[in-house]
N, C-alpha and C. Protein backbone atom coordinates (compact mmCIF):
# COMPACT_ATOMS: atom_id res chain seq x y z
N MET A 1 -195.67 59.37 147.05
CA MET A 1 -196.21 59.15 145.72
C MET A 1 -197.02 57.86 145.68
N LEU A 2 -196.48 56.77 146.31
CA LEU A 2 -197.18 55.50 146.37
C LEU A 2 -198.46 55.63 147.19
N TYR A 3 -198.41 56.42 148.21
CA TYR A 3 -199.58 56.62 149.08
C TYR A 3 -200.70 57.30 148.30
N LYS A 4 -200.32 58.30 147.49
CA LYS A 4 -201.34 58.99 146.69
C LYS A 4 -201.98 58.04 145.69
N ASN A 5 -201.15 57.19 145.04
CA ASN A 5 -201.71 56.21 144.08
C ASN A 5 -202.64 55.23 144.78
N PHE A 6 -202.22 54.79 145.97
CA PHE A 6 -203.05 53.84 146.74
C PHE A 6 -204.37 54.48 147.13
N ALA A 7 -204.31 55.72 147.59
CA ALA A 7 -205.52 56.42 148.00
C ALA A 7 -206.47 56.61 146.81
N SER A 8 -205.90 56.95 145.67
CA SER A 8 -206.73 57.15 144.48
C SER A 8 -207.40 55.84 144.06
N THR A 9 -206.64 54.75 144.11
CA THR A 9 -207.18 53.44 143.75
C THR A 9 -208.26 53.01 144.74
N TRP A 10 -208.03 53.23 145.98
CA TRP A 10 -209.00 52.87 147.04
C TRP A 10 -210.32 53.63 146.86
N LEU A 11 -210.21 54.92 146.57
CA LEU A 11 -211.42 55.72 146.35
C LEU A 11 -212.17 55.25 145.12
N SER A 12 -211.44 54.89 144.08
CA SER A 12 -212.08 54.39 142.87
C SER A 12 -212.82 53.09 143.13
N LEU A 13 -212.19 52.19 143.88
CA LEU A 13 -212.84 50.92 144.22
C LEU A 13 -214.08 51.16 145.08
N HIS A 14 -213.97 52.12 146.00
CA HIS A 14 -215.09 52.44 146.87
C HIS A 14 -216.28 52.98 146.07
N GLU A 15 -215.99 53.86 145.11
CA GLU A 15 -217.04 54.43 144.26
C GLU A 15 -217.66 53.34 143.37
N SER A 16 -216.80 52.43 142.89
CA SER A 16 -217.31 51.35 142.04
C SER A 16 -218.24 50.44 142.82
N ASN A 17 -217.84 50.15 144.08
CA ASN A 17 -218.69 49.30 144.93
C ASN A 17 -220.05 49.96 145.20
N ARG A 18 -220.03 51.26 145.44
CA ARG A 18 -221.28 51.99 145.67
C ARG A 18 -222.17 51.93 144.43
N PHE A 19 -221.55 52.09 143.27
CA PHE A 19 -222.32 52.05 142.02
C PHE A 19 -222.92 50.66 141.79
N LEU A 20 -222.11 49.62 142.05
CA LEU A 20 -222.60 48.26 141.87
C LEU A 20 -223.72 47.93 142.85
N LYS A 21 -223.63 48.43 144.08
CA LYS A 21 -224.70 48.22 145.06
C LYS A 21 -225.99 48.89 144.60
N PHE A 22 -225.84 50.09 144.03
CA PHE A 22 -227.01 50.81 143.54
C PHE A 22 -227.68 50.04 142.40
N VAL A 23 -226.85 49.51 141.47
CA VAL A 23 -227.37 48.74 140.34
C VAL A 23 -228.08 47.48 140.84
N CYS A 24 -227.50 46.79 141.82
CA CYS A 24 -228.11 45.57 142.35
C CYS A 24 -229.46 45.86 143.00
N ILE A 25 -229.50 46.95 143.79
CA ILE A 25 -230.76 47.33 144.45
C ILE A 25 -231.82 47.68 143.40
N PHE A 26 -231.39 48.40 142.36
CA PHE A 26 -232.34 48.78 141.29
C PHE A 26 -232.88 47.54 140.57
N LEU A 27 -232.01 46.59 140.26
CA LEU A 27 -232.44 45.37 139.57
C LEU A 27 -233.35 44.53 140.45
N LEU A 28 -233.03 44.43 141.74
CA LEU A 28 -233.89 43.67 142.66
C LEU A 28 -235.28 44.29 142.76
N THR A 29 -235.31 45.63 142.83
CA THR A 29 -236.59 46.33 142.89
C THR A 29 -237.40 46.11 141.62
N LEU A 30 -236.71 46.18 140.47
CA LEU A 30 -237.38 45.98 139.19
C LEU A 30 -237.94 44.56 139.09
N ASN A 31 -237.18 43.57 139.52
CA ASN A 31 -237.64 42.19 139.49
C ASN A 31 -238.84 41.98 140.42
N LEU A 32 -238.79 42.65 141.58
CA LEU A 32 -239.90 42.53 142.53
C LEU A 32 -241.18 43.12 141.96
N LEU A 33 -241.07 44.30 141.33
CA LEU A 33 -242.24 44.93 140.72
C LEU A 33 -242.80 44.07 139.58
N THR A 34 -241.89 43.48 138.80
CA THR A 34 -242.32 42.60 137.70
C THR A 34 -243.06 41.38 138.24
N LEU A 35 -242.54 40.81 139.33
CA LEU A 35 -243.17 39.64 139.93
C LEU A 35 -244.56 39.97 140.46
N VAL A 36 -244.69 41.12 141.13
CA VAL A 36 -245.98 41.54 141.67
C VAL A 36 -246.98 41.77 140.54
N GLY A 37 -246.53 42.44 139.46
CA GLY A 37 -247.41 42.67 138.32
C GLY A 37 -247.83 41.38 137.66
N TRP A 38 -246.94 40.43 137.58
CA TRP A 38 -247.27 39.15 136.95
C TRP A 38 -248.27 38.36 137.78
N LEU A 39 -248.13 38.42 139.13
CA LEU A 39 -249.05 37.72 140.00
C LEU A 39 -250.45 38.33 139.97
N LYS A 40 -250.52 39.66 139.81
CA LYS A 40 -251.81 40.34 139.80
C LYS A 40 -252.51 40.24 138.44
N LYS A 41 -251.77 39.94 137.40
CA LYS A 41 -252.34 39.90 136.04
C LYS A 41 -253.20 38.66 135.87
N ASP A 42 -254.38 38.85 135.26
CA ASP A 42 -255.26 37.73 134.97
C ASP A 42 -254.63 36.85 133.89
N THR A 43 -254.73 35.56 134.11
CA THR A 43 -254.20 34.62 133.13
C THR A 43 -255.18 34.46 131.99
N ALA A 44 -254.71 34.62 130.78
CA ALA A 44 -255.56 34.47 129.60
C ALA A 44 -255.35 33.08 129.02
N ILE A 45 -256.43 32.34 128.84
CA ILE A 45 -256.38 31.00 128.30
C ILE A 45 -256.98 31.02 126.90
N VAL A 46 -256.23 30.57 125.93
CA VAL A 46 -256.70 30.55 124.54
C VAL A 46 -257.26 29.17 124.23
N LEU A 47 -258.50 29.14 123.76
CA LEU A 47 -259.18 27.90 123.44
C LEU A 47 -259.63 27.92 121.98
N ILE A 48 -259.79 26.76 121.41
CA ILE A 48 -260.38 26.63 120.08
C ILE A 48 -261.57 25.70 120.21
N PRO A 49 -262.76 26.25 120.39
CA PRO A 49 -263.94 25.42 120.59
C PRO A 49 -264.19 24.52 119.39
N PRO A 50 -264.67 23.29 119.62
CA PRO A 50 -264.93 22.38 118.50
C PRO A 50 -266.06 22.86 117.61
N SER A 51 -266.96 23.71 118.15
CA SER A 51 -268.12 24.16 117.38
C SER A 51 -267.82 25.41 116.57
N LEU A 52 -266.64 26.02 116.78
CA LEU A 52 -266.29 27.23 116.06
C LEU A 52 -264.90 27.11 115.45
N SER A 53 -264.67 27.83 114.36
CA SER A 53 -263.36 27.79 113.72
C SER A 53 -262.42 28.85 114.29
N GLU A 54 -262.97 29.84 115.01
CA GLU A 54 -262.15 30.92 115.54
C GLU A 54 -261.68 30.63 116.97
N LYS A 55 -260.58 31.24 117.36
CA LYS A 55 -260.06 31.07 118.71
C LYS A 55 -260.92 31.84 119.69
N SER A 56 -260.97 31.36 120.93
CA SER A 56 -261.66 32.08 121.99
C SER A 56 -260.72 32.21 123.17
N GLU A 57 -260.73 33.34 123.81
CA GLU A 57 -259.82 33.63 124.92
C GLU A 57 -260.61 34.00 126.15
N VAL A 58 -260.23 33.41 127.29
CA VAL A 58 -260.93 33.70 128.54
C VAL A 58 -259.92 34.03 129.62
N ALA A 59 -260.19 35.11 130.37
CA ALA A 59 -259.39 35.49 131.54
C ALA A 59 -260.27 35.32 132.76
N LYS A 60 -259.82 35.86 133.88
CA LYS A 60 -260.52 35.64 135.15
C LYS A 60 -261.93 36.19 135.11
N ASN A 61 -262.10 37.41 134.60
CA ASN A 61 -263.42 38.05 134.61
C ASN A 61 -263.80 38.64 133.25
N LYS A 62 -263.24 38.12 132.18
CA LYS A 62 -263.61 38.60 130.85
C LYS A 62 -263.29 37.52 129.83
N ALA A 63 -263.94 37.65 128.67
CA ALA A 63 -263.74 36.64 127.63
C ALA A 63 -263.89 37.28 126.27
N SER A 64 -263.41 36.58 125.27
CA SER A 64 -263.44 37.08 123.90
C SER A 64 -264.78 36.78 123.24
N GLU A 65 -264.95 37.31 122.05
CA GLU A 65 -266.17 37.09 121.27
C GLU A 65 -266.38 35.61 120.97
N GLY A 66 -265.31 34.92 120.59
CA GLY A 66 -265.43 33.50 120.26
C GLY A 66 -265.89 32.66 121.43
N TYR A 67 -265.41 32.99 122.62
CA TYR A 67 -265.80 32.25 123.83
C TYR A 67 -267.29 32.42 124.10
N LYS A 68 -267.79 33.65 123.99
CA LYS A 68 -269.21 33.92 124.26
C LYS A 68 -270.10 33.28 123.21
N LYS A 69 -269.67 33.30 121.95
CA LYS A 69 -270.45 32.67 120.89
C LYS A 69 -270.52 31.16 121.11
N SER A 70 -269.42 30.58 121.57
CA SER A 70 -269.39 29.14 121.81
C SER A 70 -270.37 28.75 122.91
N TRP A 71 -270.38 29.53 124.01
CA TRP A 71 -271.29 29.22 125.11
C TRP A 71 -272.73 29.55 124.75
N GLY A 72 -272.94 30.55 123.90
CA GLY A 72 -274.29 30.83 123.42
C GLY A 72 -274.84 29.66 122.61
N MET A 73 -274.00 29.08 121.76
CA MET A 73 -274.40 27.92 120.98
C MET A 73 -274.72 26.73 121.88
N TYR A 74 -273.87 26.52 122.88
CA TYR A 74 -274.07 25.39 123.79
C TYR A 74 -275.39 25.53 124.55
N THR A 75 -275.65 26.74 125.06
CA THR A 75 -276.87 26.97 125.84
C THR A 75 -278.12 26.84 124.97
N ALA A 76 -278.07 27.40 123.76
CA ALA A 76 -279.22 27.30 122.86
C ALA A 76 -279.50 25.84 122.48
N ALA A 77 -278.44 25.08 122.26
CA ALA A 77 -278.61 23.66 121.93
C ALA A 77 -279.16 22.89 123.14
N LEU A 78 -278.75 23.30 124.35
CA LEU A 78 -279.19 22.62 125.57
C LEU A 78 -280.69 22.80 125.78
N ILE A 79 -281.16 24.05 125.75
CA ILE A 79 -282.57 24.31 126.04
C ILE A 79 -283.46 24.20 124.81
N GLY A 80 -282.86 24.07 123.64
CA GLY A 80 -283.65 23.96 122.41
C GLY A 80 -283.93 22.53 122.02
N ASN A 81 -283.16 21.60 122.56
CA ASN A 81 -283.35 20.18 122.25
C ASN A 81 -283.79 19.46 123.52
N VAL A 82 -285.08 19.34 123.70
CA VAL A 82 -285.64 18.81 124.94
C VAL A 82 -286.60 17.67 124.64
N THR A 83 -286.51 16.63 125.45
CA THR A 83 -287.44 15.52 125.38
C THR A 83 -288.06 15.33 126.77
N PRO A 84 -289.16 14.62 126.88
CA PRO A 84 -289.73 14.37 128.21
C PRO A 84 -288.75 13.68 129.16
N GLU A 85 -287.82 12.92 128.60
CA GLU A 85 -286.87 12.19 129.44
C GLU A 85 -285.75 13.08 129.99
N ASN A 86 -285.30 14.08 129.21
CA ASN A 86 -284.16 14.88 129.67
C ASN A 86 -284.56 16.27 130.17
N ALA A 87 -285.87 16.54 130.31
CA ALA A 87 -286.34 17.87 130.69
C ALA A 87 -285.80 18.31 132.05
N ASP A 88 -285.81 17.40 133.02
CA ASP A 88 -285.31 17.75 134.36
C ASP A 88 -283.81 18.05 134.33
N PHE A 89 -283.07 17.26 133.57
CA PHE A 89 -281.63 17.49 133.44
C PHE A 89 -281.34 18.84 132.80
N VAL A 90 -282.10 19.19 131.77
CA VAL A 90 -281.92 20.47 131.07
C VAL A 90 -282.16 21.63 132.04
N LEU A 91 -283.24 21.55 132.81
CA LEU A 91 -283.57 22.63 133.75
C LEU A 91 -282.49 22.76 134.81
N GLU A 92 -282.01 21.67 135.34
CA GLU A 92 -280.97 21.70 136.37
C GLU A 92 -279.66 22.28 135.83
N SER A 93 -279.30 21.87 134.62
CA SER A 93 -278.05 22.36 134.02
C SER A 93 -278.14 23.85 133.72
N PHE A 94 -279.28 24.28 133.18
CA PHE A 94 -279.44 25.69 132.83
C PHE A 94 -279.48 26.57 134.08
N SER A 95 -280.11 26.13 135.14
CA SER A 95 -280.23 26.94 136.36
C SER A 95 -278.86 27.27 136.95
N GLY A 96 -277.89 26.39 136.74
CA GLY A 96 -276.56 26.65 137.26
C GLY A 96 -275.74 27.59 136.42
N MET A 97 -276.27 28.04 135.26
CA MET A 97 -275.52 28.89 134.34
C MET A 97 -275.96 30.35 134.38
N VAL A 98 -277.08 30.64 135.05
CA VAL A 98 -277.61 32.00 135.04
C VAL A 98 -277.32 32.70 136.36
N THR A 99 -277.25 34.04 136.31
CA THR A 99 -276.99 34.82 137.51
C THR A 99 -278.23 34.84 138.40
N GLY A 100 -278.02 35.12 139.67
CA GLY A 100 -279.12 35.09 140.64
C GLY A 100 -280.23 36.06 140.33
N GLU A 101 -279.89 37.19 139.67
CA GLU A 101 -280.89 38.22 139.38
C GLU A 101 -281.98 37.72 138.43
N ILE A 102 -281.65 36.82 137.54
CA ILE A 102 -282.64 36.37 136.57
C ILE A 102 -282.98 34.89 136.74
N ARG A 103 -282.32 34.21 137.67
CA ARG A 103 -282.53 32.76 137.82
C ARG A 103 -283.99 32.43 138.10
N SER A 104 -284.59 33.12 139.07
CA SER A 104 -285.95 32.79 139.45
C SER A 104 -286.94 33.04 138.31
N ILE A 105 -286.74 34.15 137.57
CA ILE A 105 -287.68 34.50 136.50
C ILE A 105 -287.52 33.56 135.31
N VAL A 106 -286.29 33.44 134.81
CA VAL A 106 -286.05 32.63 133.61
C VAL A 106 -286.27 31.15 133.90
N SER A 107 -285.75 30.68 135.04
CA SER A 107 -285.88 29.26 135.35
C SER A 107 -287.35 28.87 135.52
N GLU A 108 -288.14 29.74 136.13
CA GLU A 108 -289.56 29.45 136.31
C GLU A 108 -290.28 29.37 134.97
N GLN A 109 -289.94 30.28 134.08
CA GLN A 109 -290.55 30.29 132.75
C GLN A 109 -290.19 29.02 131.98
N ILE A 110 -288.91 28.67 132.01
CA ILE A 110 -288.47 27.46 131.30
C ILE A 110 -289.06 26.21 131.95
N ALA A 111 -289.15 26.23 133.28
CA ALA A 111 -289.72 25.08 133.98
C ALA A 111 -291.16 24.83 133.55
N GLN A 112 -291.93 25.89 133.38
CA GLN A 112 -293.32 25.74 132.93
C GLN A 112 -293.39 25.16 131.53
N GLU A 113 -292.52 25.65 130.64
CA GLU A 113 -292.51 25.16 129.27
C GLU A 113 -292.10 23.68 129.22
N LEU A 114 -291.09 23.32 130.03
CA LEU A 114 -290.64 21.93 130.04
C LEU A 114 -291.69 21.01 130.63
N GLU A 115 -292.41 21.48 131.64
CA GLU A 115 -293.47 20.68 132.25
C GLU A 115 -294.58 20.42 131.24
N THR A 116 -294.88 21.41 130.42
CA THR A 116 -295.88 21.25 129.37
C THR A 116 -295.44 20.19 128.37
N LEU A 117 -294.15 20.24 128.00
CA LEU A 117 -293.62 19.24 127.06
C LEU A 117 -293.72 17.83 127.65
N LYS A 118 -293.44 17.70 128.95
CA LYS A 118 -293.48 16.39 129.61
C LYS A 118 -294.90 15.85 129.64
N GLN A 119 -295.86 16.72 130.00
CA GLN A 119 -297.25 16.28 130.11
C GLN A 119 -297.83 15.89 128.76
N GLU A 120 -297.48 16.65 127.73
CA GLU A 120 -298.03 16.38 126.40
C GLU A 120 -297.17 15.41 125.60
N ARG A 121 -296.08 14.93 126.22
CA ARG A 121 -295.18 13.99 125.56
C ARG A 121 -294.68 14.53 124.22
N VAL A 122 -294.22 15.77 124.26
CA VAL A 122 -293.74 16.44 123.06
C VAL A 122 -292.24 16.71 123.20
N SER A 123 -291.51 16.53 122.12
CA SER A 123 -290.07 16.82 122.08
C SER A 123 -289.82 18.04 121.22
N SER A 124 -288.79 18.80 121.60
CA SER A 124 -288.42 20.00 120.85
C SER A 124 -287.00 19.83 120.32
N SER A 125 -286.82 20.16 119.05
CA SER A 125 -285.48 20.11 118.46
C SER A 125 -285.13 21.48 117.89
N PHE A 126 -283.85 21.83 117.98
CA PHE A 126 -283.40 23.14 117.52
C PHE A 126 -282.12 22.97 116.72
N ASP A 127 -282.18 23.28 115.44
CA ASP A 127 -281.02 23.18 114.55
C ASP A 127 -280.44 24.58 114.33
N ILE A 128 -279.23 24.79 114.78
CA ILE A 128 -278.60 26.10 114.70
C ILE A 128 -278.21 26.41 113.26
N VAL A 129 -278.56 27.62 112.83
CA VAL A 129 -278.26 28.07 111.47
C VAL A 129 -277.15 29.11 111.47
N GLN A 130 -277.20 30.07 112.42
CA GLN A 130 -276.17 31.10 112.48
C GLN A 130 -276.01 31.62 113.91
N VAL A 131 -274.82 32.12 114.18
CA VAL A 131 -274.51 32.71 115.49
C VAL A 131 -273.93 34.10 115.24
N THR A 132 -274.50 35.11 115.90
CA THR A 132 -274.07 36.50 115.69
C THR A 132 -273.70 37.13 117.01
N TYR A 133 -272.58 37.86 117.00
CA TYR A 133 -272.17 38.62 118.19
C TYR A 133 -272.23 40.11 117.87
N GLU A 134 -272.86 40.89 118.75
CA GLU A 134 -273.01 42.33 118.56
C GLU A 134 -272.15 43.07 119.59
N PRO A 135 -271.02 43.65 119.17
CA PRO A 135 -270.12 44.32 120.12
C PRO A 135 -270.77 45.48 120.87
N GLN A 136 -271.67 46.22 120.20
CA GLN A 136 -272.29 47.40 120.83
C GLN A 136 -273.08 47.04 122.08
N THR A 137 -273.74 45.90 122.06
CA THR A 137 -274.57 45.48 123.19
C THR A 137 -273.98 44.29 123.94
N ASP A 138 -272.90 43.73 123.42
CA ASP A 138 -272.27 42.55 124.02
C ASP A 138 -273.25 41.37 124.08
N LYS A 139 -274.07 41.24 123.05
CA LYS A 139 -275.07 40.17 123.01
C LYS A 139 -274.69 39.11 121.97
N VAL A 140 -275.10 37.88 122.27
CA VAL A 140 -274.93 36.77 121.34
C VAL A 140 -276.31 36.33 120.88
N PHE A 141 -276.48 36.21 119.56
CA PHE A 141 -277.76 35.79 118.98
C PHE A 141 -277.55 34.45 118.28
N VAL A 142 -278.31 33.44 118.71
CA VAL A 142 -278.24 32.11 118.11
C VAL A 142 -279.57 31.86 117.40
N THR A 143 -279.52 31.76 116.08
CA THR A 143 -280.73 31.60 115.27
C THR A 143 -280.75 30.22 114.63
N GLY A 144 -281.94 29.62 114.60
CA GLY A 144 -282.05 28.30 114.01
C GLY A 144 -283.48 27.93 113.71
N LYS A 145 -283.68 26.65 113.39
CA LYS A 145 -285.00 26.12 113.06
C LYS A 145 -285.49 25.26 114.22
N ASN A 146 -286.67 25.60 114.73
CA ASN A 146 -287.27 24.86 115.83
C ASN A 146 -288.39 23.97 115.30
N ARG A 147 -288.42 22.72 115.79
CA ARG A 147 -289.44 21.79 115.34
C ARG A 147 -289.97 21.01 116.55
N MET A 148 -291.28 20.85 116.63
CA MET A 148 -291.92 20.11 117.71
C MET A 148 -292.36 18.75 117.18
N THR A 149 -292.11 17.71 117.98
CA THR A 149 -292.49 16.34 117.59
C THR A 149 -293.31 15.72 118.71
N GLY A 150 -294.49 15.25 118.36
CA GLY A 150 -295.38 14.64 119.35
C GLY A 150 -296.07 13.41 118.80
N VAL A 151 -297.16 13.03 119.47
CA VAL A 151 -297.92 11.85 119.05
C VAL A 151 -298.48 12.04 117.64
N GLY A 152 -298.87 13.27 117.34
CA GLY A 152 -299.47 13.55 116.03
C GLY A 152 -298.47 13.74 114.91
N GLY A 153 -297.17 13.61 115.20
CA GLY A 153 -296.14 13.77 114.18
C GLY A 153 -295.31 15.02 114.41
N LYS A 154 -294.64 15.47 113.35
CA LYS A 154 -293.75 16.63 113.45
C LYS A 154 -294.44 17.88 112.93
N SER A 155 -294.14 19.00 113.58
CA SER A 155 -294.66 20.29 113.11
C SER A 155 -293.71 20.88 112.08
N SER A 156 -294.18 21.86 111.36
CA SER A 156 -293.33 22.55 110.39
C SER A 156 -292.27 23.36 111.14
N PRO A 157 -291.04 23.41 110.62
CA PRO A 157 -289.99 24.16 111.32
C PRO A 157 -290.27 25.66 111.32
N THR A 158 -290.00 26.29 112.44
CA THR A 158 -290.17 27.74 112.56
C THR A 158 -288.83 28.37 112.94
N GLU A 159 -288.63 29.57 112.46
CA GLU A 159 -287.39 30.28 112.76
C GLU A 159 -287.44 30.83 114.18
N GLN A 160 -286.38 30.60 114.95
CA GLN A 160 -286.33 31.03 116.35
C GLN A 160 -284.94 31.57 116.67
N THR A 161 -284.91 32.55 117.57
CA THR A 161 -283.65 33.16 117.98
C THR A 161 -283.54 33.18 119.50
N PHE A 162 -282.39 32.74 120.00
CA PHE A 162 -282.06 32.86 121.42
C PHE A 162 -281.09 34.03 121.56
N GLU A 163 -281.36 34.89 122.53
CA GLU A 163 -280.54 36.08 122.76
C GLU A 163 -279.91 36.00 124.15
N PHE A 164 -278.58 36.15 124.21
CA PHE A 164 -277.86 36.01 125.48
C PHE A 164 -276.91 37.18 125.71
N LYS A 165 -276.67 37.47 126.99
CA LYS A 165 -275.53 38.26 127.43
C LYS A 165 -274.76 37.38 128.39
N ILE A 166 -273.49 37.13 128.07
CA ILE A 166 -272.69 36.19 128.83
C ILE A 166 -271.48 36.90 129.43
N ASP A 167 -271.39 36.88 130.75
CA ASP A 167 -270.24 37.43 131.46
C ASP A 167 -269.36 36.28 131.97
N VAL A 168 -268.21 36.64 132.51
CA VAL A 168 -267.30 35.64 133.06
C VAL A 168 -266.92 36.04 134.48
N LYS A 169 -267.06 35.11 135.41
CA LYS A 169 -266.67 35.33 136.80
C LYS A 169 -265.84 34.13 137.26
N GLN A 170 -264.62 34.42 137.66
CA GLN A 170 -263.69 33.37 138.09
C GLN A 170 -263.55 32.28 137.01
N TYR A 171 -263.37 32.75 135.78
CA TYR A 171 -263.14 31.89 134.61
C TYR A 171 -264.37 31.10 134.18
N SER A 172 -265.50 31.27 134.85
CA SER A 172 -266.71 30.51 134.52
C SER A 172 -267.73 31.41 133.84
N PRO A 173 -268.40 30.90 132.79
CA PRO A 173 -269.43 31.71 132.11
C PRO A 173 -270.69 31.80 132.94
N ILE A 174 -271.32 32.96 132.89
CA ILE A 174 -272.59 33.15 133.59
C ILE A 174 -273.49 34.03 132.74
N ILE A 175 -274.73 33.60 132.56
CA ILE A 175 -275.68 34.31 131.70
C ILE A 175 -276.39 35.38 132.53
N THR A 176 -276.27 36.63 132.09
CA THR A 176 -276.91 37.74 132.80
C THR A 176 -278.18 38.23 132.11
N HIS A 177 -278.41 37.78 130.89
CA HIS A 177 -279.61 38.16 130.14
C HIS A 177 -279.93 37.07 129.14
N MET A 178 -281.23 36.77 129.02
CA MET A 178 -281.65 35.78 128.03
C MET A 178 -283.08 36.06 127.60
N SER A 179 -283.33 35.89 126.32
CA SER A 179 -284.69 35.95 125.79
C SER A 179 -284.76 35.07 124.56
N SER A 180 -285.98 34.65 124.23
CA SER A 180 -286.21 33.80 123.08
C SER A 180 -287.43 34.30 122.33
N TYR A 181 -287.33 34.35 121.00
CA TYR A 181 -288.45 34.85 120.21
C TYR A 181 -288.37 34.28 118.80
N LYS A 182 -289.49 34.36 118.09
CA LYS A 182 -289.54 33.87 116.72
C LYS A 182 -288.90 34.90 115.78
N GLY A 183 -288.32 34.39 114.70
CA GLY A 183 -287.77 35.28 113.70
C GLY A 183 -286.28 35.52 113.84
N MET A 184 -285.80 36.50 113.08
CA MET A 184 -284.39 36.84 113.02
C MET A 184 -283.94 37.61 114.26
N PRO A 185 -282.62 37.73 114.49
CA PRO A 185 -282.10 38.45 115.65
C PRO A 185 -282.54 39.92 115.68
N LYS A 186 -282.87 40.39 116.86
CA LYS A 186 -283.24 41.80 117.03
C LYS A 186 -281.97 42.60 117.32
N LEU A 187 -281.22 42.84 116.27
CA LEU A 187 -279.98 43.59 116.39
C LEU A 187 -280.27 45.05 116.67
N LEU A 188 -279.29 45.73 117.23
CA LEU A 188 -279.46 47.14 117.59
C LEU A 188 -279.81 47.99 116.37
N SER A 189 -279.17 47.71 115.24
CA SER A 189 -279.43 48.47 114.02
C SER A 189 -280.88 48.30 113.56
N ILE A 190 -281.41 47.07 113.70
CA ILE A 190 -282.80 46.81 113.30
C ILE A 190 -283.76 47.51 114.25
N ILE A 191 -283.47 47.46 115.55
CA ILE A 191 -284.32 48.11 116.54
C ILE A 191 -284.37 49.62 116.30
N GLN A 192 -283.20 50.20 116.02
CA GLN A 192 -283.14 51.64 115.77
C GLN A 192 -283.94 52.02 114.52
N LYS A 193 -283.87 51.20 113.47
CA LYS A 193 -284.65 51.47 112.26
C LYS A 193 -286.14 51.40 112.54
N GLU A 194 -286.56 50.39 113.32
CA GLU A 194 -287.97 50.25 113.65
C GLU A 194 -288.46 51.43 114.49
N GLU A 195 -287.62 51.86 115.44
CA GLU A 195 -287.99 53.00 116.27
C GLU A 195 -288.11 54.27 115.44
N ALA A 196 -287.16 54.46 114.49
CA ALA A 196 -287.21 55.65 113.62
C ALA A 196 -288.45 55.60 112.73
N LYS A 197 -288.79 54.42 112.23
CA LYS A 197 -289.97 54.25 111.38
C LYS A 197 -291.25 54.54 112.16
N GLN A 198 -291.30 54.05 113.39
CA GLN A 198 -292.47 54.29 114.23
C GLN A 198 -292.61 55.77 114.57
N LYS A 199 -291.49 56.41 114.81
CA LYS A 199 -291.52 57.84 115.13
C LYS A 199 -292.03 58.65 113.94
N MET A 200 -291.61 58.29 112.74
CA MET A 200 -292.08 58.98 111.54
C MET A 200 -293.59 58.79 111.35
N GLN A 201 -294.07 57.59 111.63
CA GLN A 201 -295.51 57.32 111.51
C GLN A 201 -296.31 58.14 112.51
N GLU A 202 -295.78 58.26 113.72
CA GLU A 202 -296.47 59.05 114.74
C GLU A 202 -296.52 60.53 114.36
N GLU A 203 -295.42 61.02 113.79
CA GLU A 203 -295.39 62.42 113.36
C GLU A 203 -296.37 62.66 112.22
N ARG A 204 -296.47 61.70 111.29
CA ARG A 204 -297.43 61.82 110.19
C ARG A 204 -298.87 61.84 110.71
N GLN A 205 -299.16 61.00 111.68
CA GLN A 205 -300.49 60.96 112.27
C GLN A 205 -300.83 62.29 112.96
N LYS A 206 -299.85 62.87 113.60
CA LYS A 206 -300.05 64.16 114.26
C LYS A 206 -300.37 65.24 113.23
N GLN A 207 -299.65 65.21 112.11
CA GLN A 207 -299.87 66.19 111.06
C GLN A 207 -301.24 66.01 110.42
N ILE A 208 -301.70 64.76 110.25
CA ILE A 208 -303.01 64.48 109.67
C ILE A 208 -304.13 65.03 110.60
N LYS A 209 -303.95 64.82 111.90
CA LYS A 209 -304.93 65.29 112.87
C LYS A 209 -305.06 66.81 112.87
N LYS A 210 -303.93 67.49 112.60
CA LYS A 210 -303.96 68.95 112.55
C LYS A 210 -304.74 69.44 111.33
């Protein structure tokens, strides 16, 4: 009778040990998978830029709307406020922010404009009025008032817009698209309206010719 009780107890302990080993192995595996997932996950850094009231978040290869708007403002202020004394610094700083695909084209264009400012002893100032982010195109539009100052005095302010596409690589911003033009931002909705209007005009002209 004692032998049977001992055997039953021994088997129970053996089964319990097997169950506990299984639980330990499962927990170790789960912890290992969690650790691997945590190491592979991009770290998100939350920032509050001094130029914006909204938070901006940046990970290894992506960033939030606030982050891109902040860098769009910084870049527009950098290349929009130029004097003969800081022209070389502006060109050098901007060249390090653009991707290789557009560096030669954009940098050459800006270099020509800055050289003209240096030769004519003219300064350019840019006062930012609004910053717009368009999710559909992932573009940042920085609009403001541009004014030229030279020997003859100051020119009348003109409305100007800088258009950017800003990506993130290894936590660093890089500009993949840039353009500058007079007037308000060329948003996708405005472009689509203009295209529809032009199409209607072309159709009317075709009907008149018939």
